[in-house]
Amino acid sequence: MRSFFVTVVLFLGIGAFAQNDSIYMHNGKMIEGNVVRVAEFTIIFKYAGEDAEQIVGKYAVKKIVFGKSHRVEEISDKVNVISKDDWESVVILEDKSQVAGLTKVEAVKGKTAMINYRTAAGSSAKAEKDLKMKAADLGCQFILMVSDKDADLSGNNGRGLGGTQSMKAGVAYKY
């Protein structure tokens, strides 16, 4: 009779564990818990056996397997950046909540020369490329943009060719 109760308790414990949701991260880790909500940029969850809500950004998560229904929800594709040549794959993020769950590496800056032969749009694109190349060189897939400035150097003549210096700053993140 005693072994019957032990078996019942064991099965109830396994059944309770099977109800947990599994969050699979792009860095290879898996989180067991209960997903509270899937928001626009984040996933709010509670670790198994805890009540405190935690947040992880969607870019850090590959998929969620819901414990009760066994439904699989794909969250984001992995961004692969191996070398500086992969700079076009680097994703620029503007909301700080999007980097939750990613690893901060270091600050990066991109800018154009004070005197250049670009329009304002061309100057901004060159600074963004420079920023992404620096992040890719660090092996980072993401940049959290912290500053995006254009300096009008053309005086009273307006924004002409070569009259704009673009400066961008961000923080590089990886899985």
N, C-alpha and C. Protein backbone atom coordinates (compact mmCIF):
# COMPACT_ATOMS: atom_id res chain seq x y z
N MET A 1 0.82 -1.18 0.00
CA MET A 1 0.00 0.00 0.00
C MET A 1 0.87 1.26 0.00
N ARG A 2 1.95 1.21 0.76
CA ARG A 2 2.84 2.37 0.84
C ARG A 2 3.48 2.64 -0.51
N SER A 3 3.90 1.59 -1.22
CA SER A 3 4.52 1.77 -2.52
C SER A 3 3.51 2.33 -3.54
N PHE A 4 2.23 2.01 -3.35
CA PHE A 4 1.19 2.56 -4.22
C PHE A 4 1.13 4.08 -4.07
N PHE A 5 1.15 4.57 -2.83
CA PHE A 5 1.12 6.02 -2.59
C PHE A 5 2.37 6.71 -3.14
N VAL A 6 3.51 6.09 -2.99
CA VAL A 6 4.76 6.65 -3.53
C VAL A 6 4.67 6.75 -5.04
N THR A 7 4.13 5.72 -5.68
CA THR A 7 3.98 5.72 -7.13
C THR A 7 3.01 6.82 -7.59
N VAL A 8 1.90 6.98 -6.87
CA VAL A 8 0.92 8.02 -7.21
C VAL A 8 1.55 9.41 -7.08
N VAL A 9 2.26 9.64 -5.99
CA VAL A 9 2.91 10.93 -5.78
C VAL A 9 3.95 11.19 -6.87
N LEU A 10 4.69 10.17 -7.25
CA LEU A 10 5.70 10.29 -8.30
C LEU A 10 5.06 10.67 -9.62
N PHE A 11 3.98 10.02 -10.00
CA PHE A 11 3.29 10.34 -11.25
C PHE A 11 2.67 11.73 -11.22
N LEU A 12 2.14 12.15 -10.08
CA LEU A 12 1.61 13.50 -9.97
C LEU A 12 2.71 14.54 -10.13
N GLY A 13 3.88 14.25 -9.57
CA GLY A 13 5.02 15.15 -9.72
C GLY A 13 5.48 15.25 -11.16
N ILE A 14 5.53 14.12 -11.87
CA ILE A 14 5.91 14.12 -13.28
C ILE A 14 4.86 14.84 -14.10
N GLY A 15 3.59 14.65 -13.77
CA GLY A 15 2.52 15.33 -14.49
C GLY A 15 2.58 16.84 -14.30
N ALA A 16 2.93 17.28 -13.11
CA ALA A 16 3.05 18.72 -12.86
C ALA A 16 4.22 19.29 -13.63
N PHE A 17 5.32 18.55 -13.72
CA PHE A 17 6.50 19.00 -14.46
C PHE A 17 6.20 19.09 -15.95
N ALA A 18 5.40 18.19 -16.46
CA ALA A 18 5.07 18.18 -17.88
C ALA A 18 4.20 19.37 -18.27
N GLN A 19 3.60 20.06 -17.31
CA GLN A 19 2.75 21.20 -17.60
C GLN A 19 3.56 22.47 -17.85
N ASN A 20 4.85 22.45 -17.54
CA ASN A 20 5.69 23.63 -17.75
C ASN A 20 5.90 23.90 -19.22
N ASP A 21 6.05 25.18 -19.55
CA ASP A 21 6.39 25.58 -20.90
C ASP A 21 7.91 25.56 -21.03
N SER A 22 8.40 25.31 -22.23
CA SER A 22 9.83 25.30 -22.49
C SER A 22 10.16 26.41 -23.47
N ILE A 23 11.08 27.29 -23.07
CA ILE A 23 11.53 28.38 -23.93
C ILE A 23 12.93 28.03 -24.41
N TYR A 24 13.09 27.86 -25.71
CA TYR A 24 14.37 27.49 -26.30
C TYR A 24 15.06 28.74 -26.84
N MET A 25 16.24 29.02 -26.30
CA MET A 25 16.99 30.22 -26.66
C MET A 25 17.94 29.92 -27.84
N HIS A 26 18.32 30.96 -28.56
CA HIS A 26 19.27 30.80 -29.66
C HIS A 26 20.68 30.45 -29.18
N ASN A 27 21.00 30.76 -27.92
CA ASN A 27 22.32 30.45 -27.39
C ASN A 27 22.43 29.01 -26.91
N GLY A 28 21.38 28.21 -27.08
CA GLY A 28 21.40 26.80 -26.71
C GLY A 28 20.76 26.49 -25.37
N LYS A 29 20.48 27.48 -24.57
CA LYS A 29 19.87 27.26 -23.26
C LYS A 29 18.37 27.03 -23.41
N MET A 30 17.80 26.38 -22.39
CA MET A 30 16.37 26.16 -22.36
C MET A 30 15.86 26.61 -20.99
N ILE A 31 14.74 27.31 -20.99
CA ILE A 31 14.13 27.79 -19.75
C ILE A 31 12.83 27.03 -19.53
N GLU A 32 12.69 26.44 -18.34
CA GLU A 32 11.45 25.76 -17.94
C GLU A 32 10.65 26.71 -17.07
N GLY A 33 9.40 26.89 -17.39
CA GLY A 33 8.56 27.77 -16.59
C GLY A 33 7.18 27.88 -17.20
N ASN A 34 6.53 28.98 -16.91
CA ASN A 34 5.19 29.24 -17.43
C ASN A 34 5.19 30.57 -18.17
N VAL A 35 4.85 30.54 -19.45
CA VAL A 35 4.77 31.76 -20.23
C VAL A 35 3.50 32.50 -19.82
N VAL A 36 3.66 33.75 -19.40
CA VAL A 36 2.55 34.59 -18.98
C VAL A 36 1.96 35.30 -20.19
N ARG A 37 2.87 35.86 -21.02
CA ARG A 37 2.39 36.63 -22.16
C ARG A 37 3.50 36.75 -23.21
N VAL A 38 3.10 36.71 -24.47
CA VAL A 38 4.00 36.99 -25.57
C VAL A 38 3.62 38.37 -26.09
N ALA A 39 4.47 39.36 -25.81
CA ALA A 39 4.19 40.75 -26.17
C ALA A 39 4.85 41.08 -27.52
N GLU A 40 4.83 42.35 -27.89
CA GLU A 40 5.34 42.76 -29.19
C GLU A 40 6.84 42.48 -29.34
N PHE A 41 7.64 42.86 -28.34
CA PHE A 41 9.09 42.68 -28.42
C PHE A 41 9.62 41.65 -27.42
N THR A 42 8.80 41.23 -26.46
CA THR A 42 9.28 40.41 -25.35
C THR A 42 8.37 39.23 -25.06
N ILE A 43 8.91 38.33 -24.23
CA ILE A 43 8.14 37.21 -23.69
C ILE A 43 8.24 37.33 -22.17
N ILE A 44 7.10 37.36 -21.51
CA ILE A 44 7.05 37.45 -20.06
C ILE A 44 6.75 36.04 -19.55
N PHE A 45 7.58 35.58 -18.60
CA PHE A 45 7.41 34.21 -18.08
C PHE A 45 7.76 34.17 -16.61
N LYS A 46 7.41 33.04 -15.98
CA LYS A 46 7.78 32.77 -14.59
C LYS A 46 8.53 31.45 -14.58
N TYR A 47 9.67 31.43 -13.87
CA TYR A 47 10.39 30.17 -13.71
C TYR A 47 9.51 29.17 -12.96
N ALA A 48 9.70 27.89 -13.22
CA ALA A 48 8.92 26.85 -12.55
C ALA A 48 9.09 26.98 -11.04
N GLY A 49 7.99 27.02 -10.33
CA GLY A 49 8.01 27.10 -8.88
C GLY A 49 8.23 28.49 -8.32
N GLU A 50 8.25 29.51 -9.18
CA GLU A 50 8.45 30.89 -8.72
C GLU A 50 7.28 31.76 -9.15
N ASP A 51 7.12 32.90 -8.48
CA ASP A 51 6.03 33.82 -8.81
C ASP A 51 6.51 35.10 -9.49
N ALA A 52 7.80 35.38 -9.42
CA ALA A 52 8.32 36.63 -10.01
C ALA A 52 8.35 36.52 -11.54
N GLU A 53 7.84 37.57 -12.19
CA GLU A 53 7.83 37.58 -13.65
C GLU A 53 9.20 37.98 -14.19
N GLN A 54 9.62 37.31 -15.24
CA GLN A 54 10.89 37.58 -15.91
C GLN A 54 10.59 37.99 -17.35
N ILE A 55 11.53 38.68 -17.97
CA ILE A 55 11.35 39.14 -19.35
C ILE A 55 12.54 38.71 -20.19
N VAL A 56 12.26 38.24 -21.40
CA VAL A 56 13.31 37.93 -22.36
C VAL A 56 12.85 38.49 -23.71
N GLY A 57 13.79 39.09 -24.45
CA GLY A 57 13.47 39.65 -25.76
C GLY A 57 13.24 38.56 -26.79
N LYS A 58 12.38 38.82 -27.75
CA LYS A 58 12.05 37.83 -28.77
C LYS A 58 13.24 37.44 -29.64
N TYR A 59 14.18 38.37 -29.86
CA TYR A 59 15.35 38.04 -30.69
C TYR A 59 16.23 36.98 -30.05
N ALA A 60 16.17 36.81 -28.73
CA ALA A 60 16.98 35.81 -28.03
C ALA A 60 16.33 34.43 -28.04
N VAL A 61 15.04 34.35 -28.44
CA VAL A 61 14.27 33.11 -28.33
C VAL A 61 14.01 32.48 -29.69
N LYS A 62 14.30 31.19 -29.79
CA LYS A 62 14.03 30.44 -31.02
C LYS A 62 12.57 30.02 -31.08
N LYS A 63 12.12 29.34 -30.00
CA LYS A 63 10.74 28.83 -29.99
C LYS A 63 10.28 28.58 -28.57
N ILE A 64 8.96 28.44 -28.45
CA ILE A 64 8.33 28.07 -27.18
C ILE A 64 7.53 26.80 -27.42
N VAL A 65 7.66 25.83 -26.52
CA VAL A 65 6.82 24.63 -26.54
C VAL A 65 5.94 24.72 -25.30
N PHE A 66 4.64 24.88 -25.53
CA PHE A 66 3.69 25.02 -24.43
C PHE A 66 3.39 23.65 -23.83
N GLY A 67 3.53 23.55 -22.49
CA GLY A 67 3.42 22.27 -21.80
C GLY A 67 2.05 21.63 -21.83
N LYS A 68 1.00 22.42 -21.69
CA LYS A 68 -0.35 21.85 -21.63
C LYS A 68 -0.82 21.34 -22.98
N SER A 69 -0.58 22.11 -24.02
CA SER A 69 -1.10 21.74 -25.34
C SER A 69 -0.04 21.12 -26.25
N HIS A 70 1.23 21.24 -25.88
CA HIS A 70 2.37 20.77 -26.69
C HIS A 70 2.47 21.53 -28.02
N ARG A 71 1.82 22.68 -28.08
CA ARG A 71 1.90 23.52 -29.27
C ARG A 71 3.27 24.18 -29.32
N VAL A 72 3.84 24.27 -30.52
CA VAL A 72 5.14 24.90 -30.72
C VAL A 72 4.93 26.23 -31.44
N GLU A 73 5.46 27.30 -30.85
CA GLU A 73 5.38 28.61 -31.48
C GLU A 73 6.80 29.07 -31.80
N GLU A 74 7.08 29.21 -33.09
CA GLU A 74 8.38 29.73 -33.53
C GLU A 74 8.39 31.22 -33.25
N ILE A 75 9.46 31.72 -32.63
CA ILE A 75 9.51 33.12 -32.23
C ILE A 75 10.39 33.95 -33.17
N SER A 76 11.65 33.55 -33.36
CA SER A 76 12.53 34.31 -34.25
C SER A 76 13.56 33.38 -34.89
N ASP A 77 14.01 33.78 -36.06
CA ASP A 77 15.08 33.06 -36.75
C ASP A 77 16.42 33.53 -36.19
N LYS A 78 17.39 32.65 -36.18
CA LYS A 78 18.71 33.00 -35.68
C LYS A 78 19.43 33.86 -36.72
N VAL A 79 20.05 34.92 -36.24
CA VAL A 79 20.84 35.80 -37.09
C VAL A 79 22.27 35.31 -37.02
N ASN A 80 22.84 34.97 -38.17
CA ASN A 80 24.21 34.44 -38.21
C ASN A 80 25.18 35.52 -38.67
N VAL A 81 26.12 35.84 -37.81
CA VAL A 81 27.18 36.78 -38.13
C VAL A 81 28.49 36.09 -37.74
N ILE A 82 29.29 35.76 -38.74
CA ILE A 82 30.54 35.04 -38.50
C ILE A 82 31.75 35.95 -38.63
N SER A 83 31.68 36.87 -39.58
CA SER A 83 32.81 37.77 -39.81
C SER A 83 32.31 39.16 -40.18
N LYS A 84 33.26 40.07 -40.39
CA LYS A 84 32.93 41.44 -40.77
C LYS A 84 32.16 41.48 -42.09
N ASP A 85 32.35 40.47 -42.92
CA ASP A 85 31.66 40.40 -44.22
C ASP A 85 30.15 40.19 -44.06
N ASP A 86 29.70 39.77 -42.90
CA ASP A 86 28.28 39.53 -42.64
C ASP A 86 27.59 40.77 -42.06
N TRP A 87 28.16 41.94 -42.25
CA TRP A 87 27.64 43.16 -41.64
C TRP A 87 26.19 43.45 -42.02
N GLU A 88 25.76 43.03 -43.21
CA GLU A 88 24.39 43.30 -43.64
C GLU A 88 23.36 42.52 -42.81
N SER A 89 23.78 41.44 -42.14
CA SER A 89 22.86 40.65 -41.31
C SER A 89 22.63 41.26 -39.94
N VAL A 90 23.47 42.20 -39.52
CA VAL A 90 23.35 42.81 -38.20
C VAL A 90 22.03 43.59 -38.13
N VAL A 91 21.31 43.40 -37.03
CA VAL A 91 19.99 44.02 -36.84
C VAL A 91 20.13 45.19 -35.86
N ILE A 92 19.61 46.34 -36.26
CA ILE A 92 19.61 47.50 -35.38
C ILE A 92 18.29 47.54 -34.62
N LEU A 93 18.39 47.61 -33.29
CA LEU A 93 17.23 47.64 -32.41
C LEU A 93 17.11 49.02 -31.78
N GLU A 94 15.89 49.45 -31.55
CA GLU A 94 15.69 50.77 -30.97
C GLU A 94 15.00 50.74 -29.61
N ASP A 95 14.45 49.60 -29.22
CA ASP A 95 13.76 49.47 -27.94
C ASP A 95 14.62 48.61 -27.00
N LYS A 96 14.94 49.15 -25.84
CA LYS A 96 15.83 48.46 -24.90
C LYS A 96 15.30 47.09 -24.48
N SER A 97 13.99 46.92 -24.46
CA SER A 97 13.42 45.62 -24.05
C SER A 97 13.78 44.51 -25.05
N GLN A 98 14.11 44.87 -26.28
CA GLN A 98 14.44 43.87 -27.29
C GLN A 98 15.76 43.16 -27.02
N VAL A 99 16.65 43.73 -26.21
CA VAL A 99 17.94 43.11 -25.95
C VAL A 99 17.94 42.23 -24.69
N ALA A 100 16.79 42.12 -24.00
CA ALA A 100 16.70 41.27 -22.81
C ALA A 100 16.99 39.83 -23.21
N GLY A 101 17.95 39.23 -22.53
CA GLY A 101 18.35 37.86 -22.83
C GLY A 101 19.55 37.76 -23.75
N LEU A 102 20.00 38.88 -24.32
CA LEU A 102 21.19 38.91 -25.15
C LEU A 102 22.38 39.34 -24.29
N THR A 103 23.59 39.09 -24.79
CA THR A 103 24.80 39.43 -24.05
C THR A 103 25.41 40.72 -24.58
N LYS A 104 25.60 41.68 -23.70
CA LYS A 104 26.19 42.97 -24.06
C LYS A 104 27.69 42.78 -24.29
N VAL A 105 28.20 43.35 -25.40
CA VAL A 105 29.62 43.21 -25.70
C VAL A 105 30.35 44.53 -25.49
N GLU A 106 30.08 45.53 -26.32
CA GLU A 106 30.71 46.84 -26.12
C GLU A 106 30.05 47.89 -26.99
N ALA A 107 30.39 49.14 -26.72
CA ALA A 107 29.85 50.26 -27.49
C ALA A 107 30.53 50.32 -28.86
N VAL A 108 29.75 50.71 -29.88
CA VAL A 108 30.27 50.87 -31.23
C VAL A 108 29.79 52.22 -31.77
N LYS A 109 30.61 52.81 -32.66
CA LYS A 109 30.26 54.10 -33.25
C LYS A 109 30.51 54.05 -34.75
N GLY A 110 29.67 54.78 -35.47
CA GLY A 110 29.84 54.92 -36.90
C GLY A 110 29.60 56.36 -37.28
N LYS A 111 30.44 56.88 -38.20
CA LYS A 111 30.24 58.27 -38.62
C LYS A 111 30.85 58.47 -39.99
N THR A 112 30.47 59.58 -40.60
CA THR A 112 31.07 59.99 -41.86
C THR A 112 32.05 61.12 -41.58
N ALA A 113 32.89 61.40 -42.54
CA ALA A 113 33.86 62.49 -42.39
C ALA A 113 33.12 63.83 -42.35
N MET A 114 33.77 64.83 -41.77
CA MET A 114 33.14 66.15 -41.70
C MET A 114 32.92 66.72 -43.10
N ILE A 115 33.87 66.51 -43.96
CA ILE A 115 33.72 66.94 -45.34
C ILE A 115 33.61 65.69 -46.19
N ASN A 116 32.47 65.51 -46.84
CA ASN A 116 32.25 64.30 -47.64
C ASN A 116 31.41 64.65 -48.86
N TYR A 117 31.31 63.75 -49.76
CA TYR A 117 30.57 63.97 -51.01
C TYR A 117 29.28 63.18 -51.04
N ARG A 118 28.52 63.26 -49.95
CA ARG A 118 27.27 62.52 -49.84
C ARG A 118 26.13 63.46 -49.49
N THR A 119 24.94 63.04 -49.89
CA THR A 119 23.74 63.75 -49.45
C THR A 119 23.48 63.36 -48.00
N ALA A 120 22.48 63.98 -47.37
CA ALA A 120 22.15 63.64 -45.99
C ALA A 120 21.78 62.16 -45.86
N ALA A 121 20.98 61.64 -46.80
CA ALA A 121 20.58 60.23 -46.75
C ALA A 121 21.79 59.32 -46.98
N GLY A 122 22.65 59.68 -47.90
CA GLY A 122 23.84 58.88 -48.17
C GLY A 122 24.81 58.88 -47.00
N SER A 123 24.89 60.02 -46.34
CA SER A 123 25.75 60.15 -45.17
C SER A 123 25.25 59.25 -44.04
N SER A 124 23.94 59.22 -43.82
CA SER A 124 23.33 58.38 -42.79
C SER A 124 23.54 56.90 -43.10
N ALA A 125 23.38 56.52 -44.36
CA ALA A 125 23.57 55.13 -44.76
C ALA A 125 25.03 54.69 -44.57
N LYS A 126 25.97 55.57 -44.85
CA LYS A 126 27.41 55.26 -44.68
C LYS A 126 27.73 55.06 -43.20
N ALA A 127 27.19 55.93 -42.34
CA ALA A 127 27.43 55.81 -40.90
C ALA A 127 26.81 54.52 -40.35
N GLU A 128 25.63 54.15 -40.85
CA GLU A 128 24.98 52.90 -40.42
C GLU A 128 25.80 51.69 -40.85
N LYS A 129 26.32 51.71 -42.07
CA LYS A 129 27.16 50.61 -42.56
C LYS A 129 28.40 50.48 -41.69
N ASP A 130 29.03 51.60 -41.36
CA ASP A 130 30.21 51.60 -40.51
C ASP A 130 29.90 51.00 -39.14
N LEU A 131 28.76 51.37 -38.58
CA LEU A 131 28.31 50.85 -37.28
C LEU A 131 28.10 49.34 -37.35
N LYS A 132 27.41 48.87 -38.38
CA LYS A 132 27.15 47.43 -38.53
C LYS A 132 28.43 46.64 -38.76
N MET A 133 29.38 47.20 -39.52
CA MET A 133 30.64 46.51 -39.77
C MET A 133 31.44 46.34 -38.48
N LYS A 134 31.42 47.34 -37.61
CA LYS A 134 32.13 47.23 -36.34
C LYS A 134 31.50 46.16 -35.45
N ALA A 135 30.18 46.10 -35.43
CA ALA A 135 29.50 45.07 -34.64
C ALA A 135 29.78 43.68 -35.20
N ALA A 136 29.72 43.53 -36.52
CA ALA A 136 29.99 42.23 -37.15
C ALA A 136 31.42 41.78 -36.88
N ASP A 137 32.36 42.72 -36.86
CA ASP A 137 33.76 42.40 -36.57
C ASP A 137 33.91 41.85 -35.15
N LEU A 138 33.01 42.25 -34.25
CA LEU A 138 33.00 41.74 -32.87
C LEU A 138 32.23 40.43 -32.75
N GLY A 139 31.60 39.97 -33.85
CA GLY A 139 30.79 38.76 -33.82
C GLY A 139 29.41 38.99 -33.23
N CYS A 140 28.96 40.23 -33.26
CA CYS A 140 27.66 40.58 -32.68
C CYS A 140 26.58 40.64 -33.75
N GLN A 141 25.39 40.16 -33.39
CA GLN A 141 24.27 40.13 -34.32
C GLN A 141 23.36 41.34 -34.19
N PHE A 142 23.46 42.09 -33.09
CA PHE A 142 22.52 43.16 -32.81
C PHE A 142 23.23 44.41 -32.31
N ILE A 143 22.59 45.55 -32.61
CA ILE A 143 23.05 46.84 -32.08
C ILE A 143 21.83 47.54 -31.48
N LEU A 144 21.95 47.95 -30.23
CA LEU A 144 20.93 48.79 -29.62
C LEU A 144 21.36 50.23 -29.89
N MET A 145 20.60 50.93 -30.72
CA MET A 145 20.92 52.30 -31.10
C MET A 145 20.70 53.22 -29.91
N VAL A 146 21.73 53.99 -29.56
CA VAL A 146 21.59 54.93 -28.44
C VAL A 146 21.69 56.38 -28.89
N SER A 147 22.26 56.62 -30.08
CA SER A 147 22.38 57.99 -30.58
C SER A 147 22.42 57.97 -32.11
N ASP A 148 21.67 58.88 -32.72
CA ASP A 148 21.62 59.00 -34.18
C ASP A 148 21.52 60.49 -34.50
N LYS A 149 22.65 61.10 -34.82
CA LYS A 149 22.68 62.54 -35.04
C LYS A 149 23.19 62.87 -36.43
N ASP A 150 22.67 63.94 -36.97
CA ASP A 150 23.17 64.51 -38.21
C ASP A 150 23.55 65.96 -37.93
N ALA A 151 24.79 66.31 -38.27
CA ALA A 151 25.25 67.69 -38.08
C ALA A 151 25.23 68.39 -39.43
N ASP A 152 24.48 69.48 -39.52
CA ASP A 152 24.41 70.27 -40.74
C ASP A 152 25.60 71.22 -40.77
N LEU A 153 26.52 70.97 -41.69
CA LEU A 153 27.74 71.76 -41.76
C LEU A 153 27.74 72.73 -42.93
N SER A 154 26.62 72.87 -43.61
CA SER A 154 26.59 73.67 -44.84
C SER A 154 26.31 75.14 -44.62
N GLY A 155 26.09 75.55 -43.40
CA GLY A 155 25.83 76.96 -43.12
C GLY A 155 24.44 77.38 -43.56
N ASN A 156 24.31 78.57 -44.12
CA ASN A 156 23.02 79.10 -44.52
C ASN A 156 22.51 78.54 -45.84
N ASN A 157 23.31 77.80 -46.56
CA ASN A 157 22.93 77.30 -47.88
C ASN A 157 22.00 76.10 -47.84
N GLY A 158 21.74 75.53 -46.68
CA GLY A 158 20.87 74.35 -46.59
C GLY A 158 21.67 73.06 -46.65
N ARG A 159 20.98 71.95 -46.76
CA ARG A 159 21.62 70.64 -46.70
C ARG A 159 22.01 70.19 -48.11
N GLY A 160 23.14 70.58 -48.52
CA GLY A 160 23.61 70.21 -49.85
C GLY A 160 24.57 69.05 -49.80
N LEU A 161 25.15 68.74 -50.92
CA LEU A 161 26.11 67.65 -51.04
C LEU A 161 27.32 67.95 -50.17
N GLY A 162 27.68 67.03 -49.31
CA GLY A 162 28.84 67.19 -48.44
C GLY A 162 28.59 68.05 -47.23
N GLY A 163 27.36 68.49 -47.03
CA GLY A 163 27.08 69.40 -45.93
C GLY A 163 26.56 68.74 -44.69
N THR A 164 26.53 67.41 -44.63
CA THR A 164 25.99 66.72 -43.46
C THR A 164 26.96 65.66 -42.98
N GLN A 165 27.26 65.70 -41.68
CA GLN A 165 28.04 64.64 -41.06
C GLN A 165 27.08 63.82 -40.21
N SER A 166 27.04 62.52 -40.46
CA SER A 166 26.16 61.64 -39.71
C SER A 166 26.96 60.88 -38.66
N MET A 167 26.44 60.83 -37.44
CA MET A 167 27.11 60.14 -36.34
C MET A 167 26.10 59.22 -35.66
N LYS A 168 26.45 57.95 -35.54
CA LYS A 168 25.57 56.97 -34.90
C LYS A 168 26.36 56.25 -33.82
N ALA A 169 25.71 55.96 -32.72
CA ALA A 169 26.34 55.22 -31.63
C ALA A 169 25.36 54.17 -31.11
N GLY A 170 25.91 53.04 -30.72
CA GLY A 170 25.08 51.97 -30.20
C GLY A 170 25.88 51.04 -29.31
N VAL A 171 25.21 50.03 -28.81
CA VAL A 171 25.84 49.00 -28.00
C VAL A 171 25.64 47.67 -28.73
N ALA A 172 26.73 46.95 -28.95
CA ALA A 172 26.68 45.68 -29.67
C ALA A 172 26.31 44.54 -28.71
N TYR A 173 25.41 43.65 -29.19
CA TYR A 173 24.95 42.50 -28.41
C TYR A 173 25.07 41.24 -29.26
N LYS A 174 25.22 40.10 -28.57
CA LYS A 174 25.22 38.80 -29.24
C LYS A 174 24.44 37.80 -28.40
N TYR A 175 24.23 36.61 -28.97
CA TYR A 175 23.47 35.57 -28.25
C TYR A 175 24.21 35.09 -27.04
